Protein backbone atom coordinates (compact mmCIF):
# COMPACT_ATOMS: atom_id res chain seq x y z
CA GLY A 1 -39.03 -101.11 7.97
CA ALA A 2 -37.25 -102.72 10.96
CA GLU A 3 -37.89 -99.77 13.30
CA ALA A 4 -41.61 -99.64 12.53
CA ALA A 5 -42.01 -103.43 12.86
CA LEU A 6 -40.12 -103.74 16.14
CA ALA A 7 -41.59 -100.59 17.73
CA SER A 8 -45.08 -102.06 17.48
CA LEU A 9 -44.32 -105.36 19.27
CA GLU A 10 -46.36 -106.39 22.31
CA ASN A 11 -45.72 -108.87 25.12
CA GLY A 12 -46.08 -112.38 23.74
CA SER A 13 -44.80 -111.47 20.28
CA LYS A 14 -42.99 -114.31 18.54
CA ALA A 15 -39.98 -114.14 16.24
CA THR A 16 -38.44 -116.63 13.84
CA ILE A 17 -34.84 -116.63 12.65
CA THR A 18 -34.42 -118.03 9.15
CA VAL A 19 -31.04 -118.28 7.40
CA GLN A 20 -29.75 -119.40 4.03
CA THR A 21 -26.33 -120.98 3.53
CA ARG A 22 -24.91 -123.74 1.36
CA GLY A 23 -27.96 -123.22 -0.79
CA VAL A 24 -30.25 -124.34 2.03
CA THR A 25 -32.90 -122.20 3.72
CA ALA A 26 -33.93 -123.32 7.19
CA THR A 27 -35.40 -122.05 10.44
CA LEU A 28 -32.89 -121.90 13.30
CA TYR A 29 -35.11 -120.62 16.05
CA THR A 30 -38.65 -119.69 17.02
CA GLY A 31 -39.25 -117.90 20.30
CA LEU A 32 -40.66 -115.01 22.30
CA VAL A 33 -39.30 -111.47 22.11
CA LYS A 34 -38.52 -110.20 25.62
CA LEU A 35 -36.66 -106.91 25.08
CA VAL A 36 -35.99 -104.53 22.19
CA GLU A 37 -33.26 -101.88 22.44
CA PHE A 38 -33.11 -98.96 19.96
CA ASP A 39 -29.69 -97.27 19.55
CA TYR A 40 -30.40 -94.11 17.56
CA VAL A 41 -26.79 -92.92 17.35
CA GLY A 42 -25.36 -96.29 16.35
CA ARG A 43 -28.39 -96.99 14.12
CA VAL A 44 -28.67 -100.47 15.64
CA ILE A 45 -31.67 -102.34 17.02
CA ARG A 46 -30.99 -105.25 19.37
CA VAL A 47 -33.66 -107.86 19.97
CA HIS A 48 -33.47 -110.23 22.96
CA GLY A 49 -35.65 -113.27 23.49
CA ASP A 50 -36.07 -116.84 24.69
CA ASP A 51 -37.86 -119.88 23.40
CA GLU A 52 -41.13 -120.74 25.07
CA THR A 53 -39.55 -123.14 27.57
CA SER A 54 -38.66 -119.98 29.52
CA LYS A 55 -42.27 -120.13 30.78
CA LEU A 56 -41.43 -123.44 32.47
CA HIS A 57 -38.76 -121.71 34.57
CA VAL A 58 -40.97 -118.91 35.92
CA ASN A 59 -44.04 -121.00 36.78
CA LYS A 60 -43.83 -123.00 40.01
CA SER A 61 -45.70 -125.99 41.34
CA SER A 62 -46.69 -127.36 44.75
CA GLU A 63 -48.99 -130.23 43.93
CA LYS A 64 -49.29 -133.94 43.31
CA TRP A 65 -50.23 -136.10 40.34
CA VAL A 66 -51.83 -139.43 41.23
CA ASN A 67 -51.19 -142.49 39.05
CA LYS A 68 -49.62 -140.49 36.22
CA LYS A 69 -46.67 -141.43 34.06
CA GLY A 70 -43.80 -138.98 33.74
CA SER A 71 -44.62 -138.23 30.11
CA GLU A 72 -48.21 -137.37 31.09
CA ILE A 73 -46.96 -134.92 33.73
CA VAL A 74 -44.59 -133.32 31.20
CA LYS A 75 -47.44 -132.80 28.73
CA ASP A 76 -49.63 -131.39 31.53
CA LEU A 77 -47.03 -128.82 32.60
CA ALA A 78 -46.19 -127.82 29.03
CA GLY A 79 -49.89 -127.47 28.19
CA ARG A 80 -50.46 -125.08 31.08
CA CYS A 81 -47.87 -122.77 29.51
CA GLY A 82 -49.42 -123.04 26.06
CA ILE A 83 -46.51 -125.13 24.75
CA THR A 84 -47.08 -127.88 22.21
CA CYS A 85 -45.28 -131.01 23.45
CA GLN A 86 -44.37 -134.30 21.80
CA ALA A 87 -43.32 -136.86 24.42
CA ASP A 88 -42.29 -140.51 24.34
CA GLU A 89 -44.36 -142.55 26.78
CA SER A 90 -42.71 -143.26 30.14
CA LEU A 91 -42.52 -146.89 31.26
CA LEU A 92 -43.31 -146.27 34.93
CA LEU A 93 -45.79 -144.27 36.94
CA ALA A 94 -43.91 -141.33 38.37
CA GLY A 95 -43.22 -140.48 41.98
CA LYS A 96 -43.66 -142.02 45.39
CA LYS A 97 -45.93 -144.86 46.38
CA LEU A 98 -48.30 -143.68 49.10
CA GLU A 99 -51.32 -145.73 50.16
CA GLN A 100 -51.35 -147.81 46.96
CA ASP A 101 -51.16 -144.71 44.74
CA TYR A 102 -48.13 -143.54 42.79
CA VAL A 103 -47.88 -139.83 43.52
CA ARG A 104 -45.50 -137.28 42.06
CA LEU A 105 -45.04 -134.49 44.62
CA SER A 106 -43.61 -131.01 43.95
CA ASP A 107 -42.74 -128.46 46.60
CA ASN A 108 -42.69 -124.93 45.16
CA ILE A 109 -40.21 -125.75 42.41
CA SER A 110 -40.38 -124.66 38.79
CA PHE A 111 -42.14 -126.65 36.10
CA ALA A 112 -38.73 -127.05 34.45
CA ALA A 113 -37.25 -128.59 37.61
CA VAL A 114 -40.09 -131.14 37.77
CA ILE A 115 -39.57 -132.04 34.10
CA ASP A 116 -35.82 -132.35 34.64
CA LYS A 117 -36.31 -134.80 37.52
CA LEU A 118 -38.71 -136.85 35.43
CA ALA A 119 -36.18 -136.88 32.59
CA GLN A 120 -33.52 -138.22 34.96
CA LEU A 121 -35.81 -141.10 35.93
CA ASP A 122 -36.82 -141.85 32.33
CA GLY A 123 -33.33 -141.43 30.88
CA ALA A 124 -34.77 -138.74 28.61
CA LYS A 125 -33.65 -135.40 27.23
CA TRP A 126 -35.95 -132.48 26.47
CA TRP A 127 -35.62 -129.39 24.33
CA MET A 128 -37.53 -126.91 22.20
CA ASP A 129 -37.13 -127.61 18.50
CA ARG A 130 -36.66 -124.96 15.83
CA ASN A 131 -40.39 -124.86 15.07
CA GLY A 132 -41.42 -124.10 18.66
CA THR A 133 -42.47 -127.62 19.68
CA MET A 134 -41.14 -129.08 22.92
CA GLN A 135 -39.63 -132.55 22.58
CA TYR A 136 -39.30 -135.09 25.41
CA ARG A 137 -37.39 -138.08 24.05
CA ILE A 138 -36.48 -141.26 25.90
CA GLY A 139 -33.35 -143.10 24.76
CA ILE A 140 -31.72 -142.52 21.39
CA SER A 141 -34.13 -141.43 18.66
CA SER A 142 -32.12 -139.55 16.03
CA THR A 143 -33.79 -138.16 12.92
CA GLY A 144 -30.67 -138.09 10.75
CA THR A 145 -26.88 -138.16 10.83
CA TYR A 146 -24.36 -135.33 10.55
CA THR A 147 -20.96 -136.63 9.41
CA LEU A 148 -17.48 -135.28 10.15
CA ASN A 149 -14.58 -136.62 8.06
CA TYR A 150 -10.87 -136.39 8.92
CA THR A 151 -7.75 -137.54 7.05
CA PRO A 152 -4.51 -137.45 9.10
CA PRO A 153 -1.30 -136.02 7.56
CA THR A 154 0.34 -139.40 6.83
CA THR A 155 1.39 -138.89 3.18
CA GLY A 156 0.39 -135.27 2.70
CA TYR A 157 -1.58 -132.47 4.29
CA MET A 158 -4.30 -133.09 6.84
CA THR A 159 -7.78 -132.69 5.41
CA ALA A 160 -11.04 -132.22 7.30
CA ASP A 161 -14.52 -130.79 6.84
CA PHE A 162 -14.33 -128.89 10.13
CA MET A 163 -12.17 -126.11 11.59
CA ILE A 164 -11.88 -127.44 15.14
CA LEU A 165 -12.30 -130.95 16.50
CA LYS A 166 -11.67 -131.80 20.15
CA VAL A 167 -12.19 -135.22 21.71
CA ARG A 168 -12.34 -135.52 25.49
CA HIS A 169 -11.90 -138.98 27.00
CA ASN A 170 -13.11 -139.21 30.60
CA LEU A 171 -11.29 -142.28 31.90
CA GLN A 172 -13.37 -142.54 35.08
CA ALA A 173 -16.61 -142.55 33.10
CA GLY A 174 -15.14 -145.36 31.00
CA ALA A 175 -14.40 -147.57 33.99
CA PRO A 176 -16.74 -150.37 35.06
CA CYS A 177 -19.42 -148.82 37.28
CA ASN A 178 -21.71 -150.32 39.86
CA VAL A 179 -24.67 -148.18 40.91
CA SER A 180 -26.98 -148.85 43.82
CA CYS A 181 -30.07 -146.91 44.80
CA LYS A 182 -31.52 -147.57 48.24
CA SER A 183 -34.86 -146.30 49.46
CA TRP A 184 -36.82 -146.64 52.69
CA GLN A 185 -40.54 -147.07 52.02
CA PRO A 186 -42.39 -146.01 55.21
CA LYS A 187 -45.77 -147.42 54.20
CA GLU A 188 -44.32 -150.85 53.50
CA LYS A 189 -41.68 -150.50 56.25
CA GLU A 190 -39.16 -151.97 53.89
CA VAL A 191 -35.88 -150.97 52.23
CA HIS A 192 -35.89 -151.26 48.45
CA GLU A 193 -32.64 -151.40 46.52
CA GLY A 194 -31.99 -151.12 42.80
CA LYS A 195 -28.69 -152.15 41.26
CA ALA A 196 -27.16 -151.55 37.84
CA THR A 197 -23.78 -152.52 36.39
CA ARG A 198 -22.12 -151.18 33.26
CA LYS A 199 -18.98 -152.69 31.70
CA GLY A 200 -15.79 -150.74 31.11
CA LYS A 201 -12.01 -150.80 31.38
CA GLY A 202 -9.86 -150.43 34.50
CA ASP A 203 -10.73 -150.50 38.16
CA PRO A 204 -14.48 -150.39 38.91
CA ILE A 205 -16.09 -147.37 40.55
CA ASN A 206 -19.03 -147.73 42.90
CA HIS A 207 -21.81 -145.16 43.15
CA SER A 208 -24.43 -145.13 45.90
CA HIS A 209 -27.69 -143.16 45.95
CA HIS A 210 -30.24 -142.81 48.75
CA ILE A 211 -33.69 -141.55 47.70
CA PRO A 212 -36.62 -141.82 50.13
CA ASN A 213 -40.08 -143.31 49.51
CA LEU A 214 -39.38 -145.27 46.32
CA GLY A 215 -40.88 -148.60 45.36
CA GLN A 216 -38.70 -151.42 44.08
CA ASP A 217 -39.33 -150.72 40.39
CA HIS A 218 -38.54 -147.02 40.80
CA ALA A 219 -35.36 -147.74 42.77
CA GLN A 220 -34.25 -150.08 39.99
CA LYS A 221 -35.03 -147.52 37.27
CA GLN A 222 -33.17 -144.79 39.17
CA ALA A 223 -30.08 -147.03 39.37
CA GLU A 224 -30.20 -147.87 35.67
CA SER A 225 -30.70 -144.25 34.59
CA ALA A 226 -27.85 -143.07 36.84
CA ALA A 227 -25.51 -145.71 35.40
CA ASP A 228 -26.39 -144.73 31.83
CA ALA A 229 -25.84 -141.04 32.64
CA ILE A 230 -22.33 -141.83 33.91
CA ILE A 231 -21.08 -143.87 30.96
CA ARG A 232 -22.53 -141.60 28.27
CA HIS A 233 -19.95 -138.94 29.22
CA GLU A 234 -16.90 -141.16 28.59
CA LEU A 235 -16.35 -139.55 25.18
CA THR A 236 -17.27 -135.94 24.41
CA ILE A 237 -16.90 -134.40 20.96
CA HIS A 238 -16.70 -130.66 20.28
CA ALA A 239 -16.51 -129.51 16.66
CA THR A 240 -16.63 -126.16 14.88
CA VAL A 241 -17.85 -126.40 11.29
CA ALA A 242 -18.97 -124.09 8.49
CA GLY A 243 -22.51 -122.87 9.04
CA ASP A 244 -25.15 -125.45 8.24
CA PRO A 245 -28.77 -124.74 9.20
CA THR A 246 -29.76 -128.40 8.84
CA VAL A 247 -27.80 -129.67 11.86
CA ASN A 248 -29.79 -129.87 15.10
CA VAL A 249 -29.95 -131.73 18.41
CA GLU A 250 -32.36 -134.31 17.02
CA MET A 251 -29.55 -135.77 14.88
CA SER A 252 -26.65 -138.08 15.63
CA LEU A 253 -23.00 -137.27 14.86
CA GLN A 254 -20.83 -139.70 12.87
CA LEU A 255 -17.06 -139.22 13.17
CA ASN A 256 -14.77 -140.80 10.55
CA GLY A 257 -10.99 -140.95 10.10
CA THR A 258 -9.59 -140.51 13.62
CA ARG A 259 -9.03 -144.27 14.05
CA TYR A 260 -9.56 -144.25 17.83
CA TRP A 261 -12.79 -142.26 18.18
CA ASP A 262 -14.73 -143.17 15.04
CA GLN A 263 -18.31 -143.97 16.03
CA THR A 264 -21.78 -142.45 16.28
CA TYR A 265 -22.52 -139.93 19.03
CA GLU A 266 -25.65 -138.24 20.33
CA ILE A 267 -25.82 -134.49 19.75
CA ASP A 268 -26.62 -132.58 22.94
CA THR A 269 -26.02 -128.96 21.91
CA VAL A 270 -25.84 -126.98 18.68
CA GLN A 271 -24.74 -123.33 18.75
CA HIS A 272 -25.13 -121.22 15.60
CA GLU A 273 -23.03 -118.05 15.14
CA PHE A 274 -23.72 -115.75 12.21
């Protein structure tokens, strides 16, 4: 029945990948089918597709949003593409301050690029969840914990519930950092500067950013978000585990048994191979 089902697909057709392992049935992916390839000698059908955020990369914008928060702009852009979006509320109005109005300007860039810039300001990450809903989350908001356990070979064999575990320690990202963000505001004829400091070990590293047309509160938020982005990459964990459909980017990762790196981490990426 696969040939008949896939031969009748039309543009806009959706597909869902559901798997069962460890006695658990779960949805891994919901997205749009883009291409179907029928190999009649090999008796193989290959289906290619993307999640619906692909629409955000092909639609472009040259416009402004007046007195809108970043989360409101994200919902607006997602809605235009027919994407359901759940977004945490931004703290600041987005964009430049022109004639008493906060205005977010875009110059023929993709919807995704606008959302990415807003996420940098808000300190947010955004993704499409397994059910086809776009998430825009500010800060750490995990919905569960995935645990990795390790016992070193001190009195016997090493034991672990993973096949590969790699820990990368970026020493520069772990150093004290001082971030400044300067901005010339032409309407006010004034230079605004935001500063942020994060503690660490070793010699401090200074980072300087120059972004035009920002108000004082936006310059300060840019500095704080940039500082947080630097230090969050001090420790990076990469693990390969037995297939588990319950793990996803909305969860946090708890590492136990390594002595030096045991703590809770944010999950940025999950790749399933089956």
